[in-house]
Amino acid sequence: MKSNCRETQEKVYRYLDSEMGPYRRWQVRRHLRRCPPCTDGFSFESSLKQRVQKGCVDDVPEELLTRIKAFLGQNGPTDTSVDPTAGGSDV
């Protein structure tokens, strides 16, 4: 296995989860366009992730949602050092 294949395979889940910057995403896409074996592996992992997402959906009871909202309304976020809406970048 080539080292760039190994590097790409190590990045596949971060790519699928959109946990990398635009330049790194471009690097992964470029490699996948040029390497059919890695593309096959990527297609499998992507399909697997989609199936797991579809199959692992639970309905949260309305009572629990109400209790969580009330708790957060009273206490606020516990960790203000991290902005959960901020996206990380690998660039």
Protein backbone atom coordinates (compact mmCIF):
# COMPACT_ATOMS: atom_id res chain seq x y z
CA MET A 1 0.00 0.00 0.00
CA LYS A 2 1.34 3.42 -0.94
CA SER A 3 1.93 5.95 1.82
CA ASN A 4 -0.52 8.44 0.26
CA CYS A 5 -3.18 5.68 0.25
CA ARG A 6 -2.52 5.02 3.93
CA GLU A 7 -2.74 8.75 4.70
CA THR A 8 -6.02 9.05 2.80
CA GLN A 9 -7.51 6.03 4.55
CA GLU A 10 -6.59 7.56 7.90
CA LYS A 11 -8.49 10.72 6.92
CA VAL A 12 -11.65 9.09 5.53
CA TYR A 13 -13.79 9.38 8.68
CA ARG A 14 -12.70 12.95 9.33
CA TYR A 15 -13.61 13.68 5.71
CA LEU A 16 -17.01 12.00 6.01
CA ASP A 17 -17.71 13.89 9.24
CA SER A 18 -16.63 17.24 7.70
CA GLU A 19 -13.95 17.60 10.36
CA MET A 20 -11.26 19.05 8.14
CA GLY A 21 -10.62 22.26 6.31
CA PRO A 22 -11.17 22.86 2.60
CA TYR A 23 -7.57 22.20 1.58
CA ARG A 24 -7.41 18.80 3.31
CA ARG A 25 -10.84 17.88 1.87
CA TRP A 26 -9.51 18.78 -1.58
CA GLN A 27 -6.46 16.55 -1.01
CA VAL A 28 -8.67 13.58 -0.09
CA ARG A 29 -10.97 14.13 -3.09
CA ARG A 30 -7.99 14.44 -5.44
CA HIS A 31 -6.53 11.17 -4.18
CA LEU A 32 -9.88 9.38 -4.45
CA ARG A 33 -10.30 10.53 -8.07
CA ARG A 34 -6.90 9.02 -8.93
CA CYS A 35 -7.00 5.80 -6.90
CA PRO A 36 -9.78 3.26 -7.63
CA PRO A 37 -8.93 0.96 -4.67
CA CYS A 38 -9.20 3.87 -2.22
CA THR A 39 -12.40 5.03 -3.94
CA ASP A 40 -13.92 1.57 -3.43
CA GLY A 41 -12.99 1.66 0.25
CA PHE A 42 -14.35 5.17 0.60
CA SER A 43 -17.63 4.17 -1.05
CA PHE A 44 -18.01 1.29 1.39
CA GLU A 45 -17.30 3.47 4.44
CA SER A 46 -19.65 6.17 3.20
CA SER A 47 -22.47 3.66 2.63
CA LEU A 48 -21.86 2.06 6.02
CA LYS A 49 -22.00 5.43 7.77
CA GLN A 50 -25.30 6.27 6.02
CA ARG A 51 -26.85 2.93 7.00
CA VAL A 52 -25.79 3.34 10.61
CA GLN A 53 -27.21 6.88 10.71
CA LYS A 54 -30.54 5.72 9.29
CA GLY A 55 -30.76 2.68 11.56
CA CYS A 56 -29.74 4.38 14.80
CA VAL A 57 -32.46 6.95 15.14
CA ASP A 58 -34.33 7.04 18.42
CA ASP A 59 -37.23 9.28 19.24
CA VAL A 60 -36.53 11.31 22.34
CA PRO A 61 -39.55 11.44 24.66
CA GLU A 62 -41.12 14.90 24.78
CA GLU A 63 -40.92 14.90 28.60
CA LEU A 64 -37.15 14.45 28.45
CA LEU A 65 -36.77 17.28 25.94
CA THR A 66 -38.82 19.57 28.17
CA ARG A 67 -36.71 18.70 31.22
CA ILE A 68 -33.45 19.28 29.33
CA LYS A 69 -34.64 22.66 28.01
CA ALA A 70 -35.75 23.69 31.50
CA PHE A 71 -32.41 22.63 32.97
CA LEU A 72 -30.42 24.51 30.35
CA GLY A 73 -32.66 27.55 30.77
CA GLN A 74 -31.92 27.62 34.50
CA ASN A 75 -28.24 26.67 34.46
CA GLY A 76 -26.99 27.68 31.04
CA PRO A 77 -24.10 25.96 29.33
CA THR A 78 -21.54 24.46 31.69
CA ASP A 79 -18.48 24.88 29.46
CA THR A 80 -18.12 28.33 27.94
CA SER A 81 -14.51 27.79 26.84
CA VAL A 82 -15.57 25.94 23.68
CA ASP A 83 -17.91 27.26 21.05
CA PRO A 84 -19.75 24.18 19.69
CA THR A 85 -20.74 26.09 16.55
CA ALA A 86 -17.15 26.91 15.63
CA GLY A 87 -15.69 24.62 12.99
CA GLY A 88 -12.12 23.45 13.27
CA SER A 89 -9.70 23.88 10.42
CA ASP A 90 -6.74 21.77 9.38
CA VAL A 91 -5.36 24.34 6.98
